[in-house]
Amino acid sequence: MGAYVKKTNRRRYEDRSFSVRPVHRDAPDLHKLCEVLIRLTMQETGQSRIARRAAEPPDTYRAAAVAAPGADGHRPASGETVE
């Protein structure tokens, strides 16, 4: 048998030459970048505030034992006795 011969037109790695070309671009618009960063921060702050508020009990919540001074919900006035 003969020697193996590649049947492609590709070059060997040793025969390749690489070059790098710079791409010149305009400087970034710092005003727009800062505005986007501020908006993202405000959005995340709002979402975390919503999550915290949903996790805590509402301000008007009272436990059943504390909210019922009498069986009928009537609060005795000062000096009045509870029977």
N, C-alpha and C. Protein backbone atom coordinates (compact mmCIF):
# COMPACT_ATOMS: atom_id res chain seq x y z
N MET A 1 0.82 -1.17 0.00
CA MET A 1 0.00 0.00 0.00
C MET A 1 0.87 1.24 0.00
N GLY A 2 0.30 2.30 -0.55
CA GLY A 2 1.05 3.55 -0.62
C GLY A 2 0.81 4.42 0.59
N ALA A 3 1.48 5.54 0.63
CA ALA A 3 1.34 6.49 1.74
C ALA A 3 -0.02 7.18 1.66
N TYR A 4 -0.54 7.55 2.82
CA TYR A 4 -1.85 8.21 2.88
C TYR A 4 -1.72 9.62 2.33
N VAL A 5 -2.63 10.00 1.46
CA VAL A 5 -2.65 11.34 0.88
C VAL A 5 -4.01 11.96 1.19
N LYS A 6 -3.97 13.18 1.78
CA LYS A 6 -5.22 13.87 2.09
C LYS A 6 -5.91 14.26 0.79
N LYS A 7 -7.21 14.19 0.80
CA LYS A 7 -7.95 14.55 -0.40
C LYS A 7 -8.66 15.90 -0.24
N THR A 8 -8.12 16.76 0.61
CA THR A 8 -8.70 18.10 0.78
C THR A 8 -7.67 19.13 0.38
N ASN A 9 -8.13 20.34 0.19
CA ASN A 9 -7.23 21.43 -0.19
C ASN A 9 -6.81 22.26 1.01
N ARG A 10 -7.04 21.78 2.20
CA ARG A 10 -6.67 22.53 3.40
C ARG A 10 -5.17 22.49 3.62
N ARG A 11 -4.68 23.58 4.21
CA ARG A 11 -3.25 23.63 4.53
C ARG A 11 -3.00 22.99 5.88
N ARG A 12 -1.82 22.51 6.08
CA ARG A 12 -1.45 21.98 7.39
C ARG A 12 -1.32 23.14 8.37
N TYR A 13 -1.42 22.85 9.65
CA TYR A 13 -1.37 23.89 10.68
C TYR A 13 -0.05 24.65 10.62
N GLU A 14 1.03 23.95 10.37
CA GLU A 14 2.34 24.60 10.33
C GLU A 14 2.45 25.56 9.16
N ASP A 15 1.71 25.30 8.09
CA ASP A 15 1.80 26.15 6.90
C ASP A 15 0.89 27.38 6.96
N ARG A 16 0.02 27.43 7.95
CA ARG A 16 -0.91 28.55 8.04
C ARG A 16 -0.23 29.78 8.63
N SER A 17 -0.71 30.95 8.23
CA SER A 17 -0.22 32.20 8.83
C SER A 17 -1.43 32.98 9.34
N PHE A 18 -1.31 33.48 10.54
CA PHE A 18 -2.40 34.21 11.17
C PHE A 18 -2.06 35.67 11.26
N SER A 19 -3.05 36.52 11.09
CA SER A 19 -2.85 37.96 11.25
C SER A 19 -4.03 38.54 12.01
N VAL A 20 -3.77 39.61 12.71
CA VAL A 20 -4.79 40.28 13.50
C VAL A 20 -4.89 41.71 13.02
N ARG A 21 -6.12 42.14 12.74
CA ARG A 21 -6.32 43.51 12.28
C ARG A 21 -7.17 44.25 13.31
N PRO A 22 -6.77 45.46 13.66
CA PRO A 22 -7.57 46.21 14.63
C PRO A 22 -8.84 46.78 13.98
N VAL A 23 -9.89 46.85 14.77
CA VAL A 23 -11.12 47.47 14.32
C VAL A 23 -11.31 48.72 15.17
N HIS A 24 -11.26 49.87 14.54
CA HIS A 24 -11.38 51.14 15.26
C HIS A 24 -12.85 51.51 15.35
N ARG A 25 -13.30 51.76 16.57
CA ARG A 25 -14.69 52.14 16.80
C ARG A 25 -14.73 53.44 17.58
N ASP A 26 -15.90 54.09 17.52
CA ASP A 26 -16.08 55.33 18.29
C ASP A 26 -16.10 55.00 19.78
N ALA A 27 -15.77 55.99 20.58
CA ALA A 27 -15.80 55.82 22.03
C ALA A 27 -17.26 55.63 22.47
N PRO A 28 -17.51 54.85 23.51
CA PRO A 28 -18.89 54.64 23.96
C PRO A 28 -19.48 55.93 24.52
N ASP A 29 -20.78 56.07 24.39
CA ASP A 29 -21.49 57.23 24.92
C ASP A 29 -21.73 56.99 26.41
N LEU A 30 -20.91 57.61 27.23
CA LEU A 30 -20.99 57.38 28.68
C LEU A 30 -22.30 57.87 29.28
N HIS A 31 -22.87 58.91 28.70
CA HIS A 31 -24.15 59.43 29.20
C HIS A 31 -25.24 58.37 29.05
N LYS A 32 -25.31 57.73 27.88
CA LYS A 32 -26.31 56.69 27.66
C LYS A 32 -26.06 55.47 28.55
N LEU A 33 -24.80 55.09 28.69
CA LEU A 33 -24.48 53.95 29.54
C LEU A 33 -24.87 54.20 30.99
N CYS A 34 -24.60 55.39 31.49
CA CYS A 34 -24.97 55.73 32.87
C CYS A 34 -26.49 55.73 33.04
N GLU A 35 -27.19 56.26 32.04
CA GLU A 35 -28.65 56.30 32.11
C GLU A 35 -29.23 54.88 32.16
N VAL A 36 -28.70 53.99 31.35
CA VAL A 36 -29.17 52.60 31.34
C VAL A 36 -28.86 51.93 32.67
N LEU A 37 -27.67 52.17 33.20
CA LEU A 37 -27.30 51.58 34.48
C LEU A 37 -28.21 52.07 35.60
N ILE A 38 -28.54 53.34 35.60
CA ILE A 38 -29.44 53.89 36.61
C ILE A 38 -30.83 53.28 36.48
N ARG A 39 -31.32 53.16 35.24
CA ARG A 39 -32.65 52.58 35.04
C ARG A 39 -32.70 51.12 35.50
N LEU A 40 -31.67 50.35 35.19
CA LEU A 40 -31.63 48.96 35.63
C LEU A 40 -31.60 48.85 37.15
N THR A 41 -30.82 49.71 37.78
CA THR A 41 -30.72 49.71 39.24
C THR A 41 -32.07 50.06 39.87
N MET A 42 -32.74 51.06 39.32
CA MET A 42 -34.05 51.46 39.85
C MET A 42 -35.07 50.33 39.66
N GLN A 43 -35.01 49.64 38.53
CA GLN A 43 -35.93 48.54 38.27
C GLN A 43 -35.70 47.40 39.25
N GLU A 44 -34.44 47.04 39.49
CA GLU A 44 -34.13 45.98 40.44
C GLU A 44 -34.53 46.37 41.85
N THR A 45 -34.34 47.63 42.20
CA THR A 45 -34.72 48.10 43.53
C THR A 45 -36.23 47.99 43.71
N GLY A 46 -36.98 48.36 42.68
CA GLY A 46 -38.43 48.27 42.74
C GLY A 46 -38.90 46.84 42.87
N GLN A 47 -38.29 45.93 42.13
CA GLN A 47 -38.68 44.53 42.19
C GLN A 47 -38.36 43.93 43.55
N SER A 48 -37.21 44.27 44.12
CA SER A 48 -36.87 43.72 45.43
C SER A 48 -37.77 44.32 46.51
N ARG A 49 -38.18 45.57 46.35
CA ARG A 49 -39.10 46.19 47.30
C ARG A 49 -40.45 45.50 47.25
N ILE A 50 -40.92 45.17 46.04
CA ILE A 50 -42.20 44.47 45.89
C ILE A 50 -42.12 43.09 46.56
N ALA A 51 -41.02 42.40 46.37
CA ALA A 51 -40.86 41.07 46.95
C ALA A 51 -40.83 41.14 48.48
N ARG A 52 -40.14 42.16 49.03
CA ARG A 52 -40.09 42.32 50.49
C ARG A 52 -41.47 42.65 51.05
N ARG A 53 -42.20 43.54 50.38
CA ARG A 53 -43.53 43.92 50.86
C ARG A 53 -44.50 42.76 50.79
N ALA A 54 -44.37 41.91 49.78
CA ALA A 54 -45.26 40.76 49.66
C ALA A 54 -44.98 39.74 50.76
N ALA A 55 -43.75 39.65 51.23
CA ALA A 55 -43.37 38.67 52.23
C ALA A 55 -43.78 39.09 53.65
N GLU A 56 -43.87 40.38 53.91
CA GLU A 56 -44.21 40.82 55.26
C GLU A 56 -45.73 40.95 55.41
N PRO A 57 -46.24 40.76 56.62
CA PRO A 57 -47.69 40.85 56.82
C PRO A 57 -48.15 42.31 56.65
N PRO A 58 -49.39 42.52 56.28
CA PRO A 58 -49.89 43.89 56.10
C PRO A 58 -49.95 44.63 57.43
N ASP A 59 -49.97 45.96 57.36
CA ASP A 59 -49.99 46.79 58.57
C ASP A 59 -51.28 46.62 59.36
N THR A 60 -52.38 46.30 58.71
CA THR A 60 -53.68 46.19 59.38
C THR A 60 -53.92 44.81 59.96
N TYR A 61 -52.98 43.91 59.83
CA TYR A 61 -53.15 42.54 60.32
C TYR A 61 -53.07 42.50 61.84
N ARG A 62 -54.04 41.84 62.46
CA ARG A 62 -54.01 41.62 63.90
C ARG A 62 -54.30 40.14 64.14
N ALA A 63 -53.62 39.59 65.09
CA ALA A 63 -53.85 38.19 65.44
C ALA A 63 -55.23 38.05 66.06
N ALA A 64 -55.87 36.89 65.96
CA ALA A 64 -57.23 36.68 66.44
C ALA A 64 -57.34 36.89 67.94
N ALA A 65 -56.36 36.49 68.73
CA ALA A 65 -56.41 36.63 70.18
C ALA A 65 -56.32 38.09 70.60
N VAL A 66 -55.58 38.87 69.87
CA VAL A 66 -55.40 40.28 70.22
C VAL A 66 -56.58 41.10 69.74
N ALA A 67 -57.20 40.74 68.64
CA ALA A 67 -58.24 41.55 68.02
C ALA A 67 -59.59 41.39 68.69
N ALA A 68 -59.81 40.36 69.48
CA ALA A 68 -61.15 40.13 70.05
C ALA A 68 -61.15 40.37 71.55
N PRO A 69 -61.41 41.62 72.01
CA PRO A 69 -61.47 41.88 73.45
C PRO A 69 -62.72 41.28 74.07
N GLY A 70 -63.82 41.24 73.34
CA GLY A 70 -65.06 40.62 73.82
C GLY A 70 -65.53 39.63 72.78
N ALA A 71 -66.46 38.79 73.14
CA ALA A 71 -66.94 37.79 72.19
C ALA A 71 -67.69 38.44 71.05
N ASP A 72 -68.41 39.55 71.33
CA ASP A 72 -69.19 40.19 70.29
C ASP A 72 -68.43 41.31 69.58
N GLY A 73 -67.20 41.53 69.96
CA GLY A 73 -66.40 42.57 69.33
C GLY A 73 -66.59 43.93 69.96
N HIS A 74 -67.45 44.03 71.00
CA HIS A 74 -67.69 45.29 71.69
C HIS A 74 -66.55 45.56 72.66
N ARG A 75 -66.01 46.75 72.60
CA ARG A 75 -64.95 47.14 73.53
C ARG A 75 -65.56 47.87 74.72
N PRO A 76 -65.18 47.49 75.88
CA PRO A 76 -65.73 48.21 77.04
C PRO A 76 -65.14 49.62 77.14
N ALA A 77 -65.99 50.56 77.48
CA ALA A 77 -65.52 51.93 77.68
C ALA A 77 -64.80 52.01 79.01
N SER A 78 -64.10 53.07 79.25
CA SER A 78 -63.37 53.18 80.50
C SER A 78 -64.35 53.23 81.67
N GLY A 79 -64.11 52.43 82.66
CA GLY A 79 -64.99 52.36 83.82
C GLY A 79 -66.09 51.32 83.67
N GLU A 80 -66.31 50.79 82.48
CA GLU A 80 -67.36 49.81 82.25
C GLU A 80 -66.82 48.44 82.56
N THR A 81 -67.62 47.59 83.16
CA THR A 81 -67.17 46.24 83.50
C THR A 81 -67.56 45.26 82.41
N VAL A 82 -66.76 44.23 82.29
CA VAL A 82 -67.02 43.22 81.27
C VAL A 82 -67.64 42.02 81.97
N GLU A 83 -68.78 41.55 81.51
CA GLU A 83 -69.45 40.42 82.14
C GLU A 83 -69.21 39.17 81.36
